Protein backbone atom coordinates (compact mmCIF):
# COMPACT_ATOMS: atom_id res chain seq x y z
CA MET A 1 -0.17 0.10 0.17
CA GLY A 2 2.69 2.31 1.31
CA ASN A 3 4.25 1.08 -2.15
CA ALA A 4 1.37 1.95 -3.92
CA THR A 5 0.90 5.54 -2.60
CA GLY A 6 4.25 6.45 -3.04
CA THR A 7 4.17 6.23 -6.91
CA VAL A 8 1.19 7.59 -7.19
CA LEU A 9 1.73 10.53 -5.24
CA ALA A 10 5.33 11.37 -6.60
CA GLY A 11 3.92 12.59 -10.28
CA PRO A 12 1.96 15.26 -8.95
CA ILE A 13 4.65 16.41 -6.06
CA LEU A 14 7.20 16.24 -9.21
CA GLN A 15 4.84 18.37 -11.45
CA TYR A 16 3.42 21.22 -8.91
CA LEU A 17 6.55 21.08 -6.40
CA GLY A 18 9.47 20.41 -7.62
CA TYR A 19 12.29 17.41 -8.09
CA ALA A 20 13.60 18.49 -4.85
CA TRP A 21 9.92 17.59 -2.67
CA LEU A 22 10.85 14.41 -4.37
CA PHE A 23 13.55 13.65 -2.22
CA LEU A 24 12.69 16.57 1.37
CA ILE A 25 9.48 15.16 1.69
CA PRO A 26 10.66 10.76 2.17
CA ALA A 27 13.35 12.46 4.05
CA LEU A 28 11.21 14.04 6.61
CA LEU A 29 8.94 11.04 6.78
CA CYS A 30 12.20 8.65 7.08
CA VAL A 31 12.90 11.45 10.15
CA ILE A 32 9.58 10.91 12.04
CA SER A 33 9.72 6.96 11.51
CA GLY A 34 13.32 6.93 13.15
CA ILE A 35 11.83 9.29 15.76
CA VAL A 36 8.65 6.66 16.63
CA VAL A 37 10.79 3.81 16.10
CA ALA A 38 12.85 5.06 19.21
CA ILE A 39 10.06 6.14 21.15
CA VAL A 40 7.96 3.13 20.65
CA VAL A 41 9.99 0.04 19.89
CA PRO A 42 11.78 -1.56 23.38
CA SER A 43 16.02 -2.30 22.65
CA ILE A 44 17.26 -5.81 22.91
CA ARG A 45 20.15 -6.50 24.03
CA ALA A 46 21.56 -9.66 22.46
CA LYS A 47 24.77 -10.36 23.05
CA SER A 48 26.86 -12.56 20.46
CA ASP A 49 29.94 -13.46 19.47
CA THR A 50 29.80 -13.23 15.53
CA LYS A 51 31.74 -10.19 13.80
CA ILE A 52 31.04 -8.24 11.01
CA ASN A 53 33.40 -9.29 8.30
CA VAL A 54 34.47 -5.48 7.25
CA ALA A 55 36.94 -6.72 4.58
CA ALA A 56 33.63 -8.96 2.84
CA ALA A 57 31.82 -5.84 2.66
CA VAL A 58 33.72 -3.32 1.38
CA LEU A 59 34.83 -6.44 -1.85
CA LEU A 60 31.44 -7.23 -2.04
CA ALA A 61 30.76 -3.17 -2.74
CA GLY A 62 33.36 -2.66 -4.25
CA TRP A 63 33.20 -5.30 -7.68
CA LEU A 64 28.77 -4.30 -7.38
CA SER A 65 29.85 -0.80 -7.88
CA THR A 66 32.21 -1.26 -10.34
CA ALA A 67 30.44 -3.51 -12.52
CA LEU A 68 27.43 -0.97 -12.50
CA ILE A 69 29.72 1.40 -13.28
CA VAL A 70 30.51 -0.54 -16.54
CA LEU A 71 27.15 -1.11 -17.28
CA GLY A 72 25.96 2.35 -17.03
CA GLN A 73 29.24 3.86 -18.90
CA GLY A 74 30.44 1.33 -21.22
CA SER A 75 28.04 2.96 -24.27
CA SER A 76 30.11 6.32 -23.55
CA TRP A 77 33.43 5.36 -22.74
CA GLY A 78 33.11 2.71 -25.41
CA TRP A 79 33.10 -1.35 -25.01
CA THR A 80 36.20 -1.73 -26.35
CA SER A 81 38.15 1.13 -24.25
CA ARG A 82 40.44 1.39 -22.12
CA THR A 83 38.49 2.50 -18.96
CA THR A 84 35.81 0.21 -19.68
CA ILE A 85 38.53 -2.52 -19.97
CA LEU A 86 40.52 -1.64 -16.54
CA ALA A 87 36.76 -1.36 -14.68
CA ALA A 88 35.69 -4.60 -15.72
CA VAL A 89 38.99 -6.52 -14.38
CA LEU A 90 38.83 -4.22 -11.33
CA SER A 91 35.21 -5.91 -10.51
CA VAL A 92 36.28 -9.68 -11.75
CA VAL A 93 39.07 -9.28 -9.24
CA ALA A 94 37.03 -7.58 -6.34
CA PHE A 95 34.34 -11.06 -6.82
CA ALA A 96 36.89 -13.10 -6.80
CA ALA A 97 38.61 -11.83 -4.11
CA TRP A 98 35.15 -11.41 -2.17
CA ILE A 99 34.70 -15.52 -2.92
CA VAL A 100 37.75 -16.57 -1.20
CA SER A 101 37.47 -14.09 1.89
CA GLU A 102 33.78 -15.52 2.31
CA LEU A 103 34.60 -19.11 2.21
CA ARG A 104 38.08 -18.42 4.46
CA SER A 105 36.09 -16.31 7.22
CA ARG A 106 34.34 -17.69 10.77
CA HIS A 107 31.91 -14.76 10.38
CA ALA A 108 31.05 -14.79 6.52
CA LEU A 109 28.81 -11.63 5.70
CA ILE A 110 27.10 -13.45 3.32
CA ASP A 111 27.54 -17.87 3.45
CA VAL A 112 28.50 -18.52 -0.21
CA ARG A 113 27.86 -21.99 0.46
CA LEU A 114 24.01 -21.54 1.43
CA MET A 115 23.74 -19.67 -1.52
CA VAL A 116 24.05 -23.18 -3.99
CA SER A 117 23.28 -25.71 -1.52
CA THR A 118 20.68 -27.32 -3.17
CA ARG A 119 19.58 -26.87 -6.75
CA ALA A 120 16.49 -25.10 -4.93
CA VAL A 121 17.56 -22.86 -3.48
CA ALA A 122 20.35 -22.04 -6.07
CA ALA A 123 17.74 -21.73 -9.02
CA SER A 124 15.65 -19.61 -6.93
CA HIS A 125 18.25 -17.36 -5.91
CA THR A 126 19.01 -17.40 -9.62
CA ILE A 127 15.20 -16.19 -10.43
CA SER A 128 14.54 -13.75 -8.18
CA LEU A 129 17.99 -12.30 -9.69
CA LEU A 130 16.23 -12.49 -13.34
CA ILE A 131 12.44 -10.98 -11.98
CA GLY A 132 14.67 -8.06 -9.62
CA PHE A 133 16.21 -7.64 -13.41
CA VAL A 134 13.17 -7.23 -15.25
CA LEU A 135 11.04 -5.29 -12.57
CA PHE A 136 13.55 -2.40 -12.04
CA GLY A 137 13.42 -2.43 -15.55
CA VAL A 138 10.09 -1.47 -16.25
CA PHE A 139 10.33 1.24 -13.19
CA ALA A 140 12.71 2.67 -15.43
CA LEU A 141 11.66 1.80 -18.94
CA LEU A 142 7.95 2.55 -18.77
CA PRO A 143 8.03 6.31 -17.24
CA ALA A 144 10.31 7.12 -20.01
CA TYR A 145 8.25 5.18 -22.74
CA LEU A 146 5.17 7.16 -21.40
CA GLN A 147 6.40 10.09 -21.06
CA ASP A 148 8.63 10.58 -24.25
CA SER A 149 7.20 12.44 -26.84
CA GLY A 150 9.03 11.10 -29.65
CA GLY A 151 8.68 7.25 -29.32
CA GLY A 152 5.98 7.30 -26.54
CA PHE A 153 3.06 9.14 -26.04
CA GLY A 154 4.12 12.84 -23.54
CA LEU A 155 1.50 12.00 -20.80
CA SER A 156 2.54 13.96 -17.93
CA SER A 157 3.62 12.95 -14.42
CA ALA A 158 0.83 12.87 -12.60
CA SER A 159 -0.32 10.26 -15.48
CA VAL A 160 2.55 8.28 -15.25
CA GLY A 161 1.96 7.93 -11.79
CA LEU A 162 -1.20 5.99 -12.23
CA TYR A 163 0.38 3.38 -14.58
CA MET A 164 2.43 3.22 -12.34
CA VAL A 165 0.26 2.65 -9.39
CA ALA A 166 -1.48 -0.34 -11.31
CA LEU A 167 1.20 -2.30 -11.88
CA SER A 168 1.44 -2.08 -7.47
CA LEU A 169 -2.09 -3.24 -7.17
CA GLY A 170 -1.70 -5.78 -8.72
CA MET A 171 1.16 -7.78 -7.06
CA PHE A 172 -0.91 -5.83 -3.94
CA VAL A 173 -4.18 -8.23 -5.24
CA VAL A 174 -2.00 -11.21 -5.94
CA GLY A 175 -0.51 -11.03 -1.92
CA PHE A 176 -3.72 -11.22 -0.32
CA VAL A 177 -3.99 -14.74 -2.23
CA ALA A 178 -1.07 -16.07 -2.92
CA GLY A 179 -1.17 -18.67 0.16
CA ARG A 180 -4.48 -20.21 -1.48
CA LEU A 181 -2.30 -19.68 -5.25
CA ILE A 182 0.64 -21.66 -3.95
CA ARG A 183 -1.33 -24.26 -2.52
CA ARG A 184 -3.40 -25.34 -5.45
CA LEU A 185 -0.38 -24.43 -8.14
CA ARG A 186 2.33 -25.03 -6.18
CA SER A 187 5.36 -22.35 -5.87
CA ARG A 188 6.98 -23.82 -9.13
CA ALA A 189 4.24 -23.41 -11.12
CA MET A 190 3.26 -20.05 -10.10
CA VAL A 191 6.82 -18.71 -10.86
CA ALA A 192 6.62 -20.32 -14.42
CA LEU A 193 3.25 -18.83 -14.75
CA GLY A 194 3.58 -15.32 -13.33
CA SER A 195 6.93 -14.80 -15.47
CA ALA A 196 5.52 -15.93 -18.55
CA VAL A 197 2.71 -13.17 -17.88
CA VAL A 198 4.88 -10.58 -17.32
CA ALA A 199 6.94 -11.87 -20.62
CA SER A 200 3.82 -11.36 -22.88
CA VAL A 201 2.84 -8.13 -21.78
CA LEU A 202 6.61 -7.00 -22.75
CA LEU A 203 6.15 -8.33 -25.95
CA THR A 204 2.63 -7.10 -26.26
CA LEU A 205 4.18 -3.40 -25.53
CA ALA A 206 7.28 -4.15 -27.71
CA LEU A 207 5.56 -4.60 -30.83
CA ALA A 208 2.47 -2.46 -30.98
CA GLU A 209 0.90 0.81 -29.63
CA HIS A 210 -2.09 0.63 -27.69
CA GLY A 211 -4.94 2.82 -26.04
CA SER A 212 -4.98 4.59 -23.13
CA SER A 213 -7.44 2.23 -21.12
CA VAL A 214 -5.74 -0.83 -22.80
CA ARG A 215 -2.11 0.19 -21.70
CA TRP A 216 -3.49 0.72 -18.01
CA ALA A 217 -4.32 -2.89 -18.21
CA LEU A 218 -1.76 -3.94 -19.61
CA THR A 219 -0.19 -2.81 -16.50
CA LEU A 220 -2.24 -4.09 -14.19
CA VAL A 221 -1.90 -8.09 -15.77
CA MET A 222 1.80 -7.56 -15.59
CA GLY A 223 1.81 -6.24 -12.02
CA LEU A 224 -0.79 -9.79 -11.37
CA GLY A 225 2.54 -11.48 -13.05
CA PHE A 226 5.19 -10.37 -10.62
CA GLY A 227 2.62 -10.57 -8.02
CA CYS A 228 2.86 -14.38 -8.67
CA CYS A 229 6.77 -14.32 -8.45
CA PHE A 230 8.12 -12.97 -5.41
CA PRO A 231 5.85 -14.92 -2.87
CA ALA A 232 6.45 -18.59 -4.70
CA ILE A 233 10.39 -17.87 -4.44
CA SER A 234 10.25 -16.80 -1.15
CA THR A 235 8.37 -19.80 0.02
CA VAL A 236 10.53 -22.28 -2.30
CA VAL A 237 13.91 -20.82 0.13
CA VAL A 238 12.40 -21.15 2.94
CA MET A 239 11.29 -24.75 2.83
CA SER A 240 14.81 -25.76 1.19
CA VAL A 241 17.22 -24.71 4.03
CA ASP A 242 17.16 -25.65 7.61
CA PRO A 243 15.38 -23.70 10.00
CA GLY A 244 18.47 -21.75 11.70
CA ASP A 245 19.97 -20.63 7.96
CA THR A 246 16.00 -19.20 6.69
CA ALA A 247 16.95 -15.64 8.28
CA GLN A 248 20.13 -15.63 6.07
CA ALA A 249 18.55 -17.09 2.50
CA SER A 250 15.78 -15.13 2.68
CA GLY A 251 17.89 -11.98 3.29
CA VAL A 252 20.01 -13.35 0.58
CA ASN A 253 17.24 -13.83 -2.18
CA ALA A 254 16.04 -10.10 -1.07
CA ASN A 255 19.67 -8.33 -1.58
CA LEU A 256 19.85 -10.60 -5.22
CA ARG A 257 16.50 -9.19 -6.08
CA THR A 258 18.08 -5.70 -5.39
CA ILE A 259 21.14 -6.40 -7.06
CA GLY A 260 19.82 -8.09 -10.59
CA GLY A 261 17.18 -4.53 -10.41
CA ALA A 262 20.07 -2.41 -9.98
CA VAL A 263 21.78 -4.47 -12.98
CA GLY A 264 18.45 -4.19 -14.84
CA THR A 265 17.97 -0.22 -14.33
CA VAL A 266 21.62 0.42 -15.36
CA ALA A 267 20.98 -2.19 -18.35
CA VAL A 268 17.91 -0.05 -19.55
CA THR A 269 19.28 3.04 -19.41
CA GLY A 270 22.17 1.72 -21.58
CA ILE A 271 19.77 0.30 -23.96
CA LEU A 272 17.83 3.52 -24.34
CA THR A 273 21.41 5.46 -24.70
CA MET A 274 22.48 3.09 -27.57
CA ALA A 275 19.24 2.94 -29.03
CA ALA A 276 18.95 6.84 -29.60
CA SER A 277 20.93 6.97 -32.91
CA VAL A 278 17.94 4.99 -34.51
CA GLY A 279 14.95 6.46 -33.11
CA THR A 280 13.29 6.60 -29.94
CA ARG A 281 11.01 4.16 -30.31
CA THR A 282 12.23 1.29 -31.46
CA GLY A 283 15.13 2.08 -28.66
CA PHE A 284 11.89 1.34 -26.42
CA ALA A 285 10.91 -1.78 -28.27
CA VAL A 286 14.34 -3.08 -27.92
CA GLY A 287 14.63 -2.02 -24.36
CA PHE A 288 11.02 -4.31 -23.80
CA ALA A 289 11.95 -6.93 -25.78
CA VAL A 290 15.30 -7.15 -23.90
CA LEU A 291 13.01 -7.37 -20.57
CA ALA A 292 10.99 -9.52 -22.15
CA ALA A 293 13.38 -12.37 -23.15
CA VAL A 294 14.81 -12.36 -19.42
CA ALA A 295 11.33 -12.47 -18.06
CA ILE A 296 11.03 -15.53 -20.23
CA VAL A 297 14.96 -16.82 -18.93
CA ALA A 298 13.27 -16.98 -15.49
CA SER A 299 10.33 -18.38 -16.60
CA VAL A 300 12.37 -21.36 -18.38
CA CYS A 301 14.25 -21.72 -15.34
CA ALA A 302 11.10 -21.66 -13.23
CA ALA A 303 9.97 -24.76 -15.13
CA THR A 304 13.17 -26.72 -14.60
CA LEU A 305 15.07 -25.92 -11.59
CA LEU A 306 12.19 -25.62 -8.95
CA PRO A 307 11.39 -28.68 -7.29
CA ARG A 308 7.79 -29.83 -7.33
CA ARG A 309 7.24 -29.92 -3.51
CA PRO A 310 9.93 -28.25 -2.05
CA ARG A 311 11.23 -30.54 1.56
CA ARG A 312 12.80 -28.21 4.13
CA ARG A 313 16.31 -30.13 4.94
CA SER A 314 16.60 -30.15 8.71
CA THR A 315 19.06 -32.01 11.12
CA GLU A 316 15.81 -32.34 13.31
CA GLN A 317 13.75 -35.73 14.28
CA PRO A 318 11.05 -35.59 11.16
CA LEU A 319 7.74 -34.34 11.60
CA ILE A 320 5.39 -37.51 11.10
CA ARG A 321 1.76 -36.96 10.19
CA ALA A 322 -1.24 -38.53 12.07
CA GLY A 323 -2.55 -41.80 10.43
CA HIS A 324 1.36 -42.42 8.77
CA PRO A 325 2.56 -46.32 9.74
CA ALA A 326 5.76 -44.86 11.30
CA ALA A 327 3.15 -42.61 13.91
CA VAL A 328 1.83 -45.61 15.56
CA GLY A 329 2.83 -46.04 18.98
CA LEU A 330 3.58 -42.29 19.00
CA THR A 331 2.65 -39.35 21.38
CA PRO A 332 0.27 -36.58 20.18
CA SER A 333 2.96 -34.17 20.43
CA THR A 334 5.08 -36.06 17.81
CA THR A 335 2.48 -36.53 15.33
CA ARG A 336 2.11 -32.72 13.82
CA PRO A 337 1.33 -32.41 10.67
CA VAL A 338 4.35 -31.80 8.07
CA SER A 339 3.41 -29.52 5.22
CA GLU A 340 6.21 -29.22 1.86
CA GLU A 341 4.60 -25.75 1.54
CA PRO A 342 3.33 -23.18 4.01
CA GLY A 343 -0.49 -23.51 3.62
CA ASP A 344 -0.44 -26.69 1.83
CA GLU A 345 -3.14 -28.32 4.89
CA GLU A 346 -6.49 -27.93 3.90
CA PRO A 347 -7.71 -26.21 7.05
CA HIS A 348 -11.68 -26.59 6.21
CA ARG A 349 -11.40 -30.31 6.42
CA SER A 350 -9.05 -30.74 8.84
CA SER A 351 -10.16 -31.42 12.73
CA ARG A 352 -8.85 -32.02 15.84
CA SER A 353 -8.74 -35.51 17.51
CA GLY A 354 -6.48 -36.34 21.00
CA GLY A 355 -4.38 -33.28 20.48
CA VAL A 356 -3.51 -34.66 16.47
CA ARG A 357 -4.38 -32.50 14.15
CA ARG A 358 -5.91 -34.58 10.51
CA LEU A 359 -5.16 -33.42 6.97
CA ARG A 360 -7.07 -34.79 4.17
CA SER A 361 -7.09 -37.91 4.71
CA ASP A 362 -4.72 -40.44 5.88
CA GLU A 363 -4.07 -42.17 2.03
CA GLU A 364 -3.80 -39.29 0.23
CA ASP A 365 -0.81 -38.36 3.03
CA TYR A 366 0.60 -41.36 2.61
CA ALA A 367 0.45 -41.69 -1.25
CA ASP A 368 1.63 -38.51 -1.74
CA ASP A 369 5.38 -39.09 0.81
CA VAL A 370 5.62 -42.05 -1.21
CA ARG A 371 4.51 -40.98 -4.89
CA PRO A 372 8.61 -40.86 -6.38
CA GLU A 373 9.21 -37.33 -8.06
CA GLY A 374 7.56 -36.23 -11.18
CA THR A 375 4.68 -38.72 -10.79
């Protein structure tokens, strides 16, 4: 809701108050938020022997910033110029040094091994990177397309805000039903379908011009597609790591989405700069097509690499469903329900008896447990 509100208000603020107020108003809200947090939120002093890996933090910022500079300035510097090549080499060296630093450190800033601990985790991180690339690329490309009077439609900043809120509205709506959709369609299908929807809308924008109502509807549908991707990817990550690694895995996944977004924004800007010589309309079409291609890659990765039913990796004693043959003789406290994904159970068909929750039917649950993968 905050995202949608800010997106709508940004246009009128820019048009009537000026560019500086796009920063001053959020800065004031941040100050107010900080004061409220200081007064209301209780302080928790937790002791830990974990130390921040400063060297890894510096190397991470170094290689990422240098890579973004190369992407953003390569077209103006020249892709074969000495400056571009030197910056690219520096980024690669810093990246390699960062990997070595994380692997050797007792207090890793980012657990590199956890990022590739299973195929599900590695695939989820890759897809988050790709979807972040597309989402932030859309944030950069769509407003420019709508406001440009040459290759676009010459709309005002306030009018563009109405289109951008449609994107946020689509993601907002899906958020309310994401749990039910994941339960019915599974995470893999959700991500593949959402990415395919985004790609379809981007290709439609690239190939033809449309009226205002059609453009708004397409933007809304694209928001629905993005809304299908993010909660489903997060579900796969959470269910594919040990419970103690949930926070780090989720944080890395979110950061990779942001990194992908930074690269996507810079890439779209570079595409528009390079396409200026062949006309702005062609440049916008190329930009939409590139974003659509990345979304298609994300959809294919989801359909082929994500597991049908991600299972939590844990060294703890597994929980066993009530009615399962292995649960005979166990106490109710050890026969708690297990679901491969959050929301996998069907509450409206469940009942409680003797402290044990019964899901669907015992035969269905046991069949799910023993059914081979892919059947």
